[in-house]
PDB file of N, CA and C in Angstrom:
ATOM      1  N   MET A   1       0.366  -1.108   0.220  1.00  0.00           N
ATOM      2  CA  MET A   1      -0.124   0.056  -0.110  1.00  0.00           C
ATOM      3  C   MET A   1       0.779   1.278   0.110  1.00  0.00           C
ATOM      4  N   ASP A   2       0.430   2.241  -0.924  1.00  0.00           N
ATOM      5  CA  ASP A   2       1.076   3.625  -0.377  1.00  0.00           C
ATOM      6  C   ASP A   2       0.764   4.205   0.621  1.00  0.00           C
ATOM      7  N   GLY A   3       1.739   5.026   1.028  1.00  0.00           N
ATOM      8  CA  GLY A   3       1.863   5.743   2.057  1.00  0.00           C
ATOM      9  C   GLY A   3       0.345   6.843   2.518  1.00  0.00           C
ATOM     10  N   LYS A   4       0.206   7.643   1.288  1.00  0.00           N
ATOM     11  CA  LYS A   4      -0.871   8.494   1.352  1.00  0.00           C
ATOM     12  C   LYS A   4      -2.002   7.788   1.027  1.00  0.00           C
ATOM     13  N   LEU A   5      -2.221   6.649   0.570  1.00  0.00           N
ATOM     14  CA  LEU A   5      -3.380   5.611   0.384  1.00  0.00           C
ATOM     15  C   LEU A   5      -3.522   5.375   2.181  1.00  0.00           C
ATOM     16  N   LEU A   6      -2.719   5.026   2.835  1.00  0.00           N
ATOM     17  CA  LEU A   6      -2.767   4.419   3.927  1.00  0.00           C
ATOM     18  C   LEU A   6      -3.072   5.923   4.585  1.00  0.00           C
ATOM     19  N   ALA A   7      -2.400   6.703   4.648  1.00  0.00           N
ATOM     20  CA  ALA A   7      -3.191   7.938   5.567  1.00  0.00           C
ATOM     21  C   ALA A   7      -4.536   8.377   5.417  1.00  0.00           C
ATOM     22  N   ARG A   8      -4.882   8.320   3.930  1.00  0.00           N
ATOM     23  CA  ARG A   8      -6.670   8.655   3.503  1.00  0.00           C
ATOM     24  C   ARG A   8      -7.348   7.724   4.219  1.00  0.00           C
ATOM     25  N   VAL A   9      -7.054   6.360   4.481  1.00  0.00           N
ATOM     26  CA  VAL A   9      -7.646   5.336   4.918  1.00  0.00           C
ATOM     27  C   VAL A   9      -7.897   5.473   6.428  1.00  0.00           C
ATOM     28  N   GLY A  10      -6.882   6.018   7.381  1.00  0.00           N
ATOM     29  CA  GLY A  10      -6.827   6.352   8.597  1.00  0.00           C
ATOM     30  C   GLY A  10      -7.542   7.411   8.795  1.00  0.00           C
ATOM     31  N   VAL A  11      -7.385   8.425   8.400  1.00  0.00           N
ATOM     32  CA  VAL A  11      -8.604   9.642   8.185  1.00  0.00           C
ATOM     33  C   VAL A  11      -9.909   9.648   8.066  1.00  0.00           C
ATOM     34  N   VAL A  12     -10.358   8.770   7.065  1.00  0.00           N
ATOM     35  CA  VAL A  12     -11.467   8.243   6.880  1.00  0.00           C
ATOM     36  C   VAL A  12     -12.278   7.633   8.298  1.00  0.00           C
ATOM     37  N   VAL A  13     -11.413   6.447   8.744  1.00  0.00           N
ATOM     38  CA  VAL A  13     -11.779   5.799  10.041  1.00  0.00           C
ATOM     39  C   VAL A  13     -11.990   6.668  11.031  1.00  0.00           C
ATOM     40  N   PHE A  14     -10.979   7.572  11.266  1.00  0.00           N
ATOM     41  CA  PHE A  14     -11.075   8.479  12.384  1.00  0.00           C
ATOM     42  C   PHE A  14     -12.258   9.365  12.198  1.00  0.00           C
ATOM     43  N   VAL A  15     -12.718   9.668  11.063  1.00  0.00           N
ATOM     44  CA  VAL A  15     -13.962  10.721  10.809  1.00  0.00           C
ATOM     45  C   VAL A  15     -14.949   9.956  11.285  1.00  0.00           C
ATOM     46  N   ALA A  16     -15.229   8.633  10.846  1.00  0.00           N
ATOM     47  CA  ALA A  16     -16.117   7.738  10.838  1.00  0.00           C
ATOM     48  C   ALA A  16     -16.485   7.432  12.490  1.00  0.00           C
ATOM     49  N   LEU A  17     -15.240   7.031  13.148  1.00  0.00           N
ATOM     50  CA  LEU A  17     -15.655   6.883  14.504  1.00  0.00           C
ATOM     51  C   LEU A  17     -15.995   8.054  15.318  1.00  0.00           C
ATOM     52  N   ALA A  18     -15.779   9.279  14.926  1.00  0.00           N
ATOM     53  CA  ALA A  18     -15.930  10.591  15.578  1.00  0.00           C
ATOM     54  C   ALA A  18     -17.462  10.658  15.145  1.00  0.00           C
ATOM     55  N   ILE A  19     -17.834  10.634  14.134  1.00  0.00           N
ATOM     56  CA  ILE A  19     -19.340  10.709  13.703  1.00  0.00           C
ATOM     57  C   ILE A  19     -20.268   9.677  14.601  1.00  0.00           C
ATOM     58  N   THR A  20     -19.610   8.644  14.715  1.00  0.00           N
ATOM     59  CA  THR A  20     -20.433   7.660  15.416  1.00  0.00           C
ATOM     60  C   THR A  20     -20.620   7.870  16.662  1.00  0.00           C
ATOM     61  N   ALA A  21     -19.442   8.407  17.409  1.00  0.00           N
ATOM     62  CA  ALA A  21     -19.406   8.725  19.018  1.00  0.00           C
ATOM     63  C   ALA A  21     -20.290  10.175  19.027  1.00  0.00           C
ATOM     64  N   THR A  22     -20.274  11.072  18.068  1.00  0.00           N
ATOM     65  CA  THR A  22     -21.050  12.205  18.356  1.00  0.00           C
ATOM     66  C   THR A  22     -22.693  11.800  18.209  1.00  0.00           C
ATOM     67  N   ALA A  23     -22.758  10.972  17.389  1.00  0.00           N
ATOM     68  CA  ALA A  23     -24.542  10.563  17.426  1.00  0.00           C
ATOM     69  C   ALA A  23     -24.865   9.753  18.269  1.00  0.00           C
ATOM     70  N   ILE A  24     -23.991   9.077  18.946  1.00  0.00           N
ATOM     71  CA  ILE A  24     -24.228   8.185  20.274  1.00  0.00           C
ATOM     72  C   ILE A  24     -24.350   8.979  21.641  1.00  0.00           C
ATOM     73  N   GLU A  25     -23.870  10.060  21.552  1.00  0.00           N
ATOM     74  CA  GLU A  25     -23.817  11.013  22.600  1.00  0.00           C
ATOM     75  C   GLU A  25     -25.040  11.896  22.548  1.00  0.00           C
ATOM     76  N   MET A  26     -25.362  12.284  21.583  1.00  0.00           N
ATOM     77  CA  MET A  26     -26.479  12.925  21.163  1.00  0.00           C
ATOM     78  C   MET A  26     -27.732  12.373  21.779  1.00  0.00           C
ATOM     79  N   THR A  27     -28.108  10.904  21.312  1.00  0.00           N
ATOM     80  CA  THR A  27     -28.905  10.030  21.672  1.00  0.00           C
ATOM     81  C   THR A  27     -29.290   9.846  22.950  1.00  0.00           C
ATOM     82  N   ARG A  28     -27.897  10.084  23.518  1.00  0.00           N
ATOM     83  CA  ARG A  28     -28.274   9.540  25.238  1.00  0.00           C
ATOM     84  C   ARG A  28     -29.183  10.569  25.871  1.00  0.00           C
ATOM     85  N   LYS A  29     -29.770  10.075  26.906  1.00  0.00           N
ATOM     86  CA  LYS A  29     -30.763  10.752  27.929  1.00  0.00           C
ATOM     87  C   LYS A  29     -29.711  10.832  28.728  1.00  0.00           C
ATOM     88  N   GLU A  30     -30.068  12.505  29.477  1.00  0.00           N
ATOM     89  CA  GLU A  30     -29.510  12.950  30.299  1.00  0.00           C
ATOM     90  C   GLU A  30     -30.054  12.657  31.639  1.00  0.00           C
ATOM     91  N   ASP A  31     -29.083  11.980  32.749  1.00  0.00           N
ATOM     92  CA  ASP A  31     -29.510  11.764  33.932  1.00  0.00           C
ATOM     93  C   ASP A  31     -29.864  13.206  34.863  1.00  0.00           C
ATOM     94  N   GLU A  32     -30.970  13.025  35.553  1.00  0.00           N
ATOM     95  CA  GLU A  32     -31.423  14.054  36.037  1.00  0.00           C
ATOM     96  C   GLU A  32     -30.821  14.030  37.499  1.00  0.00           C
ATOM     97  N   PRO A  33     -30.199  15.197  37.918  1.00  0.00           N
ATOM     98  CA  PRO A  33     -29.397  15.160  39.232  1.00  0.00           C
ATOM     99  C   PRO A  33     -30.650  15.095  40.123  1.00  0.00           C
ATOM    100  N   SER A  34     -29.640  14.279  41.067  1.00  0.00           N
ATOM    101  CA  SER A  34     -30.423  13.754  42.276  1.00  0.00           C
ATOM    102  C   SER A  34     -30.713  14.714  43.204  1.00  0.00           C
ATOM    103  N   SER A  35     -31.635  15.559  43.960  1.00  0.00           N
ATOM    104  CA  SER A  35     -31.839  16.782  44.792  1.00  0.00           C
ATOM    105  C   SER A  35     -32.477  16.169  46.024  1.00  0.00           C
ATOM    106  N   PRO A  36     -32.021  16.885  47.268  1.00  0.00           N
ATOM    107  CA  PRO A  36     -32.515  16.657  48.262  1.00  0.00           C
ATOM    108  C   PRO A  36     -34.142  16.625  48.332  1.00  0.00           C
ATOM    109  N   VAL A  37     -34.935  15.701  48.981  1.00  0.00           N
ATOM    110  CA  VAL A  37     -36.290  15.504  49.006  1.00  0.00           C
ATOM    111  C   VAL A  37     -37.122  17.074  49.279  1.00  0.00           C
ATOM    112  N   GLY A  38     -36.565  17.724  50.055  1.00  0.00           N
ATOM    113  CA  GLY A  38     -37.422  19.232  50.463  1.00  0.00           C
ATOM    114  C   GLY A  38     -36.872  20.260  49.691  1.00  0.00           C
ATOM    115  N   GLY A  39     -35.660  19.991  49.208  1.00  0.00           N
ATOM    116  CA  GLY A  39     -34.967  21.266  48.293  1.00  0.00           C
ATOM    117  C   GLY A  39     -34.248  22.493  49.475  1.00  0.00           C
ATOM    118  N   PRO A  40     -33.994  23.533  48.940  1.00  0.00           N
ATOM    119  CA  PRO A  40     -33.577  24.584  49.749  1.00  0.00           C
ATOM    120  C   PRO A  40     -34.953  25.270  50.689  1.00  0.00           C
ATOM    121  N   MET A  41     -36.228  25.116  49.865  1.00  0.00           N
ATOM    122  CA  MET A  41     -37.037  25.629  50.881  1.00  0.00           C
ATOM    123  C   MET A  41     -37.288  24.798  52.098  1.00  0.00           C
ATOM    124  N   ALA A  42     -36.974  23.695  51.906  1.00  0.00           N
ATOM    125  CA  ALA A  42     -37.288  23.059  53.608  1.00  0.00           C
ATOM    126  C   ALA A  42     -36.497  23.073  54.341  1.00  0.00           C
ATOM    127  N   ALA A  43     -35.500  23.381  54.379  1.00  0.00           N
ATOM    128  CA  ALA A  43     -34.244  23.605  54.899  1.00  0.00           C
ATOM    129  C   ALA A  43     -34.435  24.964  55.499  1.00  0.00           C
ATOM    130  N   ALA A  44     -34.832  25.977  54.877  1.00  0.00           N
ATOM    131  CA  ALA A  44     -34.997  27.156  55.229  1.00  0.00           C
ATOM    132  C   ALA A  44     -36.132  27.504  56.055  1.00  0.00           C
ATOM    133  N   SER A  45     -37.219  26.585  55.793  1.00  0.00           N
ATOM    134  CA  SER A  45     -38.392  26.965  56.596  1.00  0.00           C
ATOM    135  C   SER A  45     -37.916  26.115  57.940  1.00  0.00           C
ATOM    136  N   ALA A  46     -37.041  25.371  58.195  1.00  0.00           N
ATOM    137  CA  ALA A  46     -36.955  24.569  59.468  1.00  0.00           C
ATOM    138  C   ALA A  46     -35.901  25.691  60.362  1.00  0.00           C
ATOM    139  N   ASP A  47     -35.236  26.778  59.583  1.00  0.00           N
ATOM    140  CA  ASP A  47     -34.392  27.638  60.340  1.00  0.00           C
ATOM    141  C   ASP A  47     -34.740  29.128  59.821  1.00  0.00           C
ATOM    142  N   PRO A  48     -35.488  29.910  60.808  1.00  0.00           N
ATOM    143  CA  PRO A  48     -36.082  31.187  60.224  1.00  0.00           C
ATOM    144  C   PRO A  48     -34.698  31.992  59.936  1.00  0.00           C
ATOM    145  N   LEU A  49     -33.292  31.771  60.608  1.00  0.00           N
ATOM    146  CA  LEU A  49     -32.622  32.860  60.156  1.00  0.00           C
ATOM    147  C   LEU A  49     -32.142  32.097  58.797  1.00  0.00           C
ATOM    148  N   ARG A  50     -31.936  30.955  58.296  1.00  0.00           N
ATOM    149  CA  ARG A  50     -31.533  30.843  57.243  1.00  0.00           C
ATOM    150  C   ARG A  50     -32.224  31.381  55.917  1.00  0.00           C
ATOM    151  N   ALA A  51     -33.708  31.384  56.422  1.00  0.00           N
ATOM    152  CA  ALA A  51     -34.951  31.981  55.462  1.00  0.00           C
ATOM    153  C   ALA A  51     -34.464  33.297  55.282  1.00  0.00           C
ATOM    154  N   GLU A  52     -34.272  33.977  56.552  1.00  0.00           N
ATOM    155  CA  GLU A  52     -33.981  35.465  56.163  1.00  0.00           C
ATOM    156  C   GLU A  52     -32.684  36.009  55.384  1.00  0.00           C
ATOM    157  N   LEU A  53     -32.003  34.819  56.023  1.00  0.00           N
ATOM    158  CA  LEU A  53     -30.659  35.425  55.104  1.00  0.00           C
ATOM    159  C   LEU A  53     -30.619  34.968  53.642  1.00  0.00           C
ATOM    160  N   MET A  54     -31.360  34.081  53.178  1.00  0.00           N
ATOM    161  CA  MET A  54     -31.962  34.147  51.661  1.00  0.00           C
ATOM    162  C   MET A  54     -32.516  34.798  51.196  1.00  0.00           C
ATOM    163  N   ARG A  55     -33.337  35.482  51.749  1.00  0.00           N
ATOM    164  CA  ARG A  55     -34.340  36.595  51.637  1.00  0.00           C
ATOM    165  C   ARG A  55     -33.376  38.003  51.202  1.00  0.00           C
ATOM    166  N   CYS A  56     -32.175  38.275  51.854  1.00  0.00           N
ATOM    167  CA  CYS A  56     -31.369  39.028  52.175  1.00  0.00           C
ATOM    168  C   CYS A  56     -30.398  38.949  51.014  1.00  0.00           C
ATOM    169  N   GLN A  57     -30.217  37.740  50.242  1.00  0.00           N
ATOM    170  CA  GLN A  57     -29.257  37.521  49.496  1.00  0.00           C
ATOM    171  C   GLN A  57     -29.967  37.919  47.899  1.00  0.00           C
ATOM    172  N   GLY A  58     -31.321  37.531  48.072  1.00  0.00           N
ATOM    173  CA  GLY A  58     -32.010  38.064  46.732  1.00  0.00           C
ATOM    174  C   GLY A  58     -32.214  38.989  46.569  1.00  0.00           C
ATOM    175  N   LEU A  59     -31.988  40.296  47.708  1.00  0.00           N
ATOM    176  CA  LEU A  59     -32.090  41.732  47.686  1.00  0.00           C
ATOM    177  C   LEU A  59     -30.893  42.241  46.868  1.00  0.00           C
ATOM    178  N   GLY A  60     -29.579  41.376  46.563  1.00  0.00           N
ATOM    179  CA  GLY A  60     -28.591  42.010  46.097  1.00  0.00           C
ATOM    180  C   GLY A  60     -28.111  43.195  46.954  1.00  0.00           C
ATOM    181  N   GLU A  61     -27.853  44.261  46.243  1.00  0.00           N
ATOM    182  CA  GLU A  61     -27.464  45.749  46.681  1.00  0.00           C
ATOM    183  C   GLU A  61     -28.319  45.945  47.694  1.00  0.00           C
ATOM    184  N   ALA A  62     -29.663  46.005  47.748  1.00  0.00           N
ATOM    185  CA  ALA A  62     -30.307  46.641  48.795  1.00  0.00           C
ATOM    186  C   ALA A  62     -30.216  45.970  49.950  1.00  0.00           C
ATOM    187  N   GLY A  63     -29.445  44.817  50.301  1.00  0.00           N
ATOM    188  CA  GLY A  63     -29.334  44.223  51.136  1.00  0.00           C
ATOM    189  C   GLY A  63     -28.687  44.911  52.426  1.00  0.00           C
ATOM    190  N   PRO A  64     -27.319  45.248  52.348  1.00  0.00           N
ATOM    191  CA  PRO A  64     -26.916  46.059  53.477  1.00  0.00           C
ATOM    192  C   PRO A  64     -27.411  47.291  53.652  1.00  0.00           C
ATOM    193  N   ARG A  65     -28.598  47.893  52.930  1.00  0.00           N
ATOM    194  CA  ARG A  65     -29.462  48.690  53.310  1.00  0.00           C
ATOM    195  C   ARG A  65     -30.770  48.453  54.428  1.00  0.00           C
ATOM    196  N   ASP A  66     -30.911  47.508  54.330  1.00  0.00           N
ATOM    197  CA  ASP A  66     -32.063  47.046  55.250  1.00  0.00           C
ATOM    198  C   ASP A  66     -31.485  46.637  56.492  1.00  0.00           C
ATOM    199  N   PRO A  67     -32.442  46.972  57.639  1.00  0.00           N
ATOM    200  CA  PRO A  67     -32.107  46.862  58.861  1.00  0.00           C
ATOM    201  C   PRO A  67     -32.496  44.839  59.456  1.00  0.00           C
ATOM    202  N   ALA A  68     -33.269  44.798  58.693  1.00  0.00           N
ATOM    203  CA  ALA A  68     -33.548  43.038  59.205  1.00  0.00           C
ATOM    204  C   ALA A  68     -32.693  42.243  58.382  1.00  0.00           C
ATOM    205  N   CYS A  69     -32.061  42.459  57.284  1.00  0.00           N
ATOM    206  CA  CYS A  69     -30.670  41.888  56.890  1.00  0.00           C
ATOM    207  C   CYS A  69     -29.486  42.207  57.849  1.00  0.00           C
ATOM    208  N   LEU A  70     -29.224  43.240  58.071  1.00  0.00           N
ATOM    209  CA  LEU A  70     -28.463  43.511  59.179  1.00  0.00           C
ATOM    210  C   LEU A  70     -28.494  42.887  60.305  1.00  0.00           C
ATOM    211  N   ARG A  71     -29.414  42.762  60.957  1.00  0.00           N
ATOM    212  CA  ARG A  71     -29.768  41.873  62.254  1.00  0.00           C
ATOM    213  C   ARG A  71     -29.426  40.562  62.061  1.00  0.00           C
ATOM    214  N   ALA A  72     -30.035  40.105  60.705  1.00  0.00           N
ATOM    215  CA  ALA A  72     -29.866  38.356  60.539  1.00  0.00           C
ATOM    216  C   ALA A  72     -28.148  38.060  60.241  1.00  0.00           C
ATOM    217  N   TRP A  73     -27.518  39.289  59.473  1.00  0.00           N
ATOM    218  CA  TRP A  73     -26.018  38.799  59.344  1.00  0.00           C
ATOM    219  C   TRP A  73     -25.214  39.051  60.703  1.00  0.00           C
ATOM    220  N   ALA A  74     -25.626  40.104  61.663  1.00  0.00           N
ATOM    221  CA  ALA A  74     -25.086  39.691  63.162  1.00  0.00           C
ATOM    222  C   ALA A  74     -25.211  38.599  63.264  1.00  0.00           C
ATOM    223  N   GLU A  75     -26.757  38.186  63.716  1.00  0.00           N
ATOM    224  CA  GLU A  75     -26.760  37.021  64.288  1.00  0.00           C
ATOM    225  C   GLU A  75     -26.361  35.803  63.684  1.00  0.00           C
ATOM    226  N   SER A  76     -25.778  35.713  62.419  1.00  0.00           N
ATOM    227  CA  SER A  76     -25.345  34.510  61.516  1.00  0.00           C
ATOM    228  C   SER A  76     -23.851  34.789  62.245  1.00  0.00           C
ATOM    229  N   ARG A  77     -23.218  35.645  62.350  1.00  0.00           N
ATOM    230  CA  ARG A  77     -22.041  35.781  62.916  1.00  0.00           C
ATOM    231  C   ARG A  77     -21.704  35.396  64.354  1.00  0.00           C
ATOM    232  N   GLU A  78     -22.718  35.536  65.035  1.00  0.00           N
ATOM    233  CA  GLU A  78     -22.590  35.231  66.229  1.00  0.00           C
ATOM    234  C   GLU A  78     -22.968  33.607  66.432  1.00  0.00           C
ATOM    235  N   ARG A  79     -23.528  33.332  65.614  1.00  0.00           N
ATOM    236  CA  ARG A  79     -23.835  31.437  65.772  1.00  0.00           C
ATOM    237  C   ARG A  79     -22.452  31.026  65.227  1.00  0.00           C
ATOM    238  N   PHE A  80     -21.835  31.958  64.321  1.00  0.00           N
ATOM    239  CA  PHE A  80     -20.739  30.940  63.735  1.00  0.00           C
ATOM    240  C   PHE A  80     -19.199  31.519  64.345  1.00  0.00           C
ATOM    241  N   LEU A  81     -19.239  32.526  64.952  1.00  0.00           N
ATOM    242  CA  LEU A  81     -18.024  32.995  66.041  1.00  0.00           C
ATOM    243  C   LEU A  81     -18.204  32.485  67.297  1.00  0.00           C
ATOM    244  N   ALA A  82     -19.260  32.205  67.914  1.00  0.00           N
ATOM    245  CA  ALA A  82     -19.317  31.913  69.346  1.00  0.00           C
ATOM    246  C   ALA A  82     -18.615  30.978  69.847  1.00  0.00           C
ATOM    247  N   PRO A  83     -17.905  31.135  71.232  1.00  0.00           N
ATOM    248  CA  PRO A  83     -17.095  29.841  71.606  1.00  0.00           C
ATOM    249  C   PRO A  83     -17.616  28.779  71.565  1.00  0.00           C
ATOM    250  N   GLY A  84     -18.909  28.230  71.895  1.00  0.00           N
ATOM    251  CA  GLY A  84     -19.247  27.175  71.798  1.00  0.00           C
ATOM    252  C   GLY A  84     -20.169  26.657  70.693  1.00  0.00           C
ATOM    253  N   ALA A  85     -19.899  27.446  69.586  1.00  0.00           N
ATOM    254  CA  ALA A  85     -20.513  26.913  68.118  1.00  0.00           C
ATOM    255  C   ALA A  85     -20.156  25.960  67.592  1.00  0.00           C
ATOM    256  N   ARG A  86     -18.840  25.432  67.731  1.00  0.00           N
ATOM    257  CA  ARG A  86     -18.297  24.484  67.498  1.00  0.00           C
ATOM    258  C   ARG A  86     -18.217  23.433  68.261  1.00  0.00           C
ATOM    259  N   PRO A  87     -18.770  21.981  68.045  1.00  0.00           N
ATOM    260  CA  PRO A  87     -18.982  20.906  69.463  1.00  0.00           C
ATOM    261  C   PRO A  87     -17.154  20.521  69.365  1.00  0.00           C
ATOM    262  N   GLN A  88     -16.986  20.228  70.905  1.00  0.00           N
ATOM    263  CA  GLN A  88     -15.482  19.805  70.946  1.00  0.00           C
ATOM    264  C   GLN A  88     -15.359  18.493  70.056  1.00  0.00           C
ATOM    265  N   GLU A  89     -16.306  17.622  69.963  1.00  0.00           N
ATOM    266  CA  GLU A  89     -15.965  16.861  69.369  1.00  0.00           C
ATOM    267  C   GLU A  89     -15.350  16.395  67.964  1.00  0.00           C
ATOM    268  N   ARG A  90     -15.941  17.689  67.469  1.00  0.00           N
ATOM    269  CA  ARG A  90     -15.480  17.452  65.912  1.00  0.00           C
ATOM    270  C   ARG A  90     -13.935  18.536  65.793  1.00  0.00           C
ATOM    271  N   LEU A  91     -13.329  18.798  66.504  1.00  0.00           N
ATOM    272  CA  LEU A  91     -12.108  19.622  66.526  1.00  0.00           C
ATOM    273  C   LEU A  91     -11.044  18.605  67.317  1.00  0.00           C
ATOM    274  N   PRO A  92     -10.274  18.418  66.124  1.00  0.00           N
ATOM    275  CA  PRO A  92      -9.251  17.371  66.241  1.00  0.00           C
ATOM    276  C   PRO A  92      -8.430  17.835  67.631  1.00  0.00           C
ATOM    277  N   GLY A  93      -7.651  17.080  68.279  1.00  0.00           N
ATOM    278  CA  GLY A  93      -6.720  17.579  69.521  1.00  0.00           C
ATOM    279  C   GLY A  93      -5.194  17.499  68.761  1.00  0.00           C
ATOM    280  N   PRO A  94      -4.370  17.930  69.590  1.00  0.00           N
ATOM    281  CA  PRO A  94      -3.020  18.162  69.072  1.00  0.00           C
ATOM    282  C   PRO A  94      -2.365  17.033  69.205  1.00  0.00           C
ATOM    283  N   PRO A  95      -1.678  16.777  68.057  1.00  0.00           N
ATOM    284  CA  PRO A  95      -0.859  15.407  67.777  1.00  0.00           C
ATOM    285  C   PRO A  95      -0.244  15.001  68.808  1.00  0.00           C
ATOM    286  N   ALA A  96       0.009  13.962  69.250  1.00  0.00           N
ATOM    287  CA  ALA A  96       0.948  13.777  70.486  1.00  0.00           C
ATOM    288  C   ALA A  96       2.216  13.432  69.901  1.00  0.00           C
ATOM    289  N   MET A  97       3.316  14.043  71.145  1.00  0.00           N
ATOM    290  CA  MET A  97       4.587  14.306  70.759  1.00  0.00           C
ATOM    291  C   MET A  97       5.407  12.869  70.740  1.00  0.00           C
ATOM    292  N   PRO A  98       6.152  12.463  69.901  1.00  0.00           N
ATOM    293  CA  PRO A  98       6.844  11.004  70.355  1.00  0.00           C
ATOM    294  C   PRO A  98       7.638  11.410  71.335  1.00  0.00           C
ATOM    295  N   ARG A  99       7.442  10.525  72.044  1.00  0.00           N
ATOM    296  CA  ARG A  99       8.770  10.247  73.235  1.00  0.00           C
ATOM    297  C   ARG A  99      10.143   9.850  72.917  1.00  0.00           C
ATOM    298  N   PRO A 100      11.494  10.135  73.826  1.00  0.00           N
ATOM    299  CA  PRO A 100      12.499   9.836  73.070  1.00  0.00           C
ATOM    300  C   PRO A 100      12.514   8.335  73.708  1.00  0.00           C
ATOM    301  N   GLU A 101      13.377   7.581  73.337  1.00  0.00           N
ATOM    302  CA  GLU A 101      13.721   6.275  73.510  1.00  0.00           C
ATOM    303  C   GLU A 101      14.330   6.227  74.583  1.00  0.00           C
ATOM    304  N   SER A 102      14.345   5.447  75.510  1.00  0.00           N
ATOM    305  CA  SER A 102      15.441   5.091  76.965  1.00  0.00           C
ATOM    306  C   SER A 102      16.628   5.451  76.271  1.00  0.00           C
ATOM    307  N   ASP A 103      17.231   4.483  75.329  1.00  0.00           N
ATOM    308  CA  ASP A 103      18.849   4.443  75.513  1.00  0.00           C
ATOM    309  C   ASP A 103      19.129   5.495  74.555  1.00  0.00           C
ATOM    310  N   MET A 104      18.493   6.614  74.122  1.00  0.00           N
ATOM    311  CA  MET A 104      18.602   7.990  73.577  1.00  0.00           C
ATOM    312  C   MET A 104      19.174   8.968  74.907  1.00  0.00           C
ATOM    313  N   THR A 105      20.182   9.370  74.904  1.00  0.00           N
ATOM    314  CA  THR A 105      20.406  10.567  75.958  1.00  0.00           C
ATOM    315  C   THR A 105      20.988  11.624  75.292  1.00  0.00           C
ATOM    316  N   ILE A 106      20.632  12.644  75.649  1.00  0.00           N
ATOM    317  CA  ILE A 106      21.284  14.081  75.305  1.00  0.00           C
ATOM    318  C   ILE A 106      22.551  14.469  75.675  1.00  0.00           C
ATOM    319  N   GLU A 107      22.919  13.979  76.606  1.00  0.00           N
ATOM    320  CA  GLU A 107      24.671  14.271  77.297  1.00  0.00           C
ATOM    321  C   GLU A 107      25.725  14.108  75.759  1.00  0.00           C
ATOM    322  N   GLY A 108      25.679  12.999  75.150  1.00  0.00           N
ATOM    323  CA  GLY A 108      26.316  12.577  74.322  1.00  0.00           C
ATOM    324  C   GLY A 108      26.159  13.458  72.799  1.00  0.00           C
ATOM    325  N   MET A 109      25.115  14.240  72.656  1.00  0.00           N
ATOM    326  CA  MET A 109      24.778  14.802  71.409  1.00  0.00           C
ATOM    327  C   MET A 109      25.551  16.317  71.739  1.00  0.00           C
ATOM    328  N   ASP A 110      25.632  16.845  70.493  1.00  0.00           N
ATOM    329  CA  ASP A 110      26.031  18.113  70.506  1.00  0.00           C
ATOM    330  C   ASP A 110      24.551  18.959  70.707  1.00  0.00           C
ATOM    331  N   ALA A 111      24.789  20.401  70.884  1.00  0.00           N
ATOM    332  CA  ALA A 111      23.695  21.115  71.194  1.00  0.00           C
ATOM    333  C   ALA A 111      23.158  21.490  69.447  1.00  0.00           C
ATOM    334  N   ASP A 112      23.542  21.166  68.724  1.00  0.00           N
ATOM    335  CA  ASP A 112      23.251  21.491  67.124  1.00  0.00           C
ATOM    336  C   ASP A 112      22.795  20.165  66.909  1.00  0.00           C
ATOM    337  N   PRO A 113      21.627  19.942  66.434  1.00  0.00           N
ATOM    338  CA  PRO A 113      20.808  18.850  66.349  1.00  0.00           C
ATOM    339  C   PRO A 113      21.631  18.188  64.602  1.00  0.00           C
ATOM    340  N   VAL A 114      21.947  18.993  63.754  1.00  0.00           N
ATOM    341  CA  VAL A 114      22.453  18.885  62.486  1.00  0.00           C
ATOM    342  C   VAL A 114      24.080  18.898  62.832  1.00  0.00           C
ATOM    343  N   ARG A 115      24.631  17.449  63.019  1.00  0.00           N
ATOM    344  CA  ARG A 115      26.130  17.613  63.142  1.00  0.00           C
ATOM    345  C   ARG A 115      26.536  17.923  61.922  1.00  0.00           C
ATOM    346  N   LYS A 116      27.997  18.773  62.228  1.00  0.00           N
ATOM    347  CA  LYS A 116      28.273  19.234  60.934  1.00  0.00           C
ATOM    348  C   LYS A 116      29.880  18.785  61.178  1.00  0.00           C
ATOM    349  N   GLU A 117      29.916  18.080  60.224  1.00  0.00           N
ATOM    350  CA  GLU A 117      31.616  17.142  59.789  1.00  0.00           C
ATOM    351  C   GLU A 117      32.445  18.007  59.056  1.00  0.00           C
ATOM    352  N   MET A 118      33.878  18.363  59.384  1.00  0.00           N
ATOM    353  CA  MET A 118      34.535  19.205  58.585  1.00  0.00           C
ATOM    354  C   MET A 118      35.536  18.296  58.204  1.00  0.00           C
ATOM    355  N   ALA A 119      35.800  18.464  56.774  1.00  0.00           N
ATOM    356  CA  ALA A 119      37.393  17.817  56.291  1.00  0.00           C
ATOM    357  C   ALA A 119      38.642  18.230  57.219  1.00  0.00           C
ATOM    358  N   PRO A 120      39.502  16.961  57.100  1.00  0.00           N
ATOM    359  CA  PRO A 120      40.515  17.497  57.884  1.00  0.00           C
ATOM    360  C   PRO A 120      41.404  18.798  57.204  1.00  0.00           C
ATOM    361  N   VAL A 121      41.545  19.469  57.854  1.00  0.00           N
ATOM    362  CA  VAL A 121      42.779  20.827  57.425  1.00  0.00           C
ATOM    363  C   VAL A 121      43.924  20.446  56.837  1.00  0.00           C
ATOM    364  N   LEU A 122      44.649  20.530  56.136  1.00  0.00           N
ATOM    365  CA  LEU A 122      45.847  20.218  55.457  1.00  0.00           C
ATOM    366  C   LEU A 122      46.988  21.128  55.518  1.00  0.00           C
ATOM    367  N   GLU A 123      48.072  21.466  56.463  1.00  0.00           N
ATOM    368  CA  GLU A 123      49.038  22.406  56.361  1.00  0.00           C
ATOM    369  C   GLU A 123      49.813  22.649  54.794  1.00  0.00           C
ATOM    370  N   GLU A 124      50.286  23.941  54.618  1.00  0.00           N
ATOM    371  CA  GLU A 124      50.866  24.043  53.216  1.00  0.00           C
ATOM    372  C   GLU A 124      51.889  23.260  52.915  1.00  0.00           C
ATOM    373  N   GLY A 125      52.658  22.747  54.154  1.00  0.00           N
ATOM    374  CA  GLY A 125      54.024  21.971  53.847  1.00  0.00           C
ATOM    375  C   GLY A 125      53.865  20.449  53.437  1.00  0.00           C
ATOM    376  N   GLN A 126      52.532  20.052  53.918  1.00  0.00           N
ATOM    377  CA  GLN A 126      52.187  18.435  53.456  1.00  0.00           C
ATOM    378  C   GLN A 126      51.686  18.010  52.236  1.00  0.00           C
TER     379      GLN A 126
END
């Protein structure tokens, strides 16, 4: 087979595969995303502060001038930044420091944890 003919056959096969893949993708039905049962409205009705914050979000630039929104944002900050706002069981404790082994002593070690080795100094006459 000629090199040009082989290249042309390869291009035709590639284009045929691309058209087939496109046709398959276009005929495929899209899956509907699974959403929570109640959606955002059910969560908002359970918490009146959340509902007020969502209303303020919808106001856009008028939100910072609305006194109800200012109160809602202050309450939200208070809830978030309060000392007891985060349960203790969710906060990880500090990692335990490894204890030195009993056979390791500090007396024999230098003050510098990185030991610096120096090459022997040769005098000029040697």
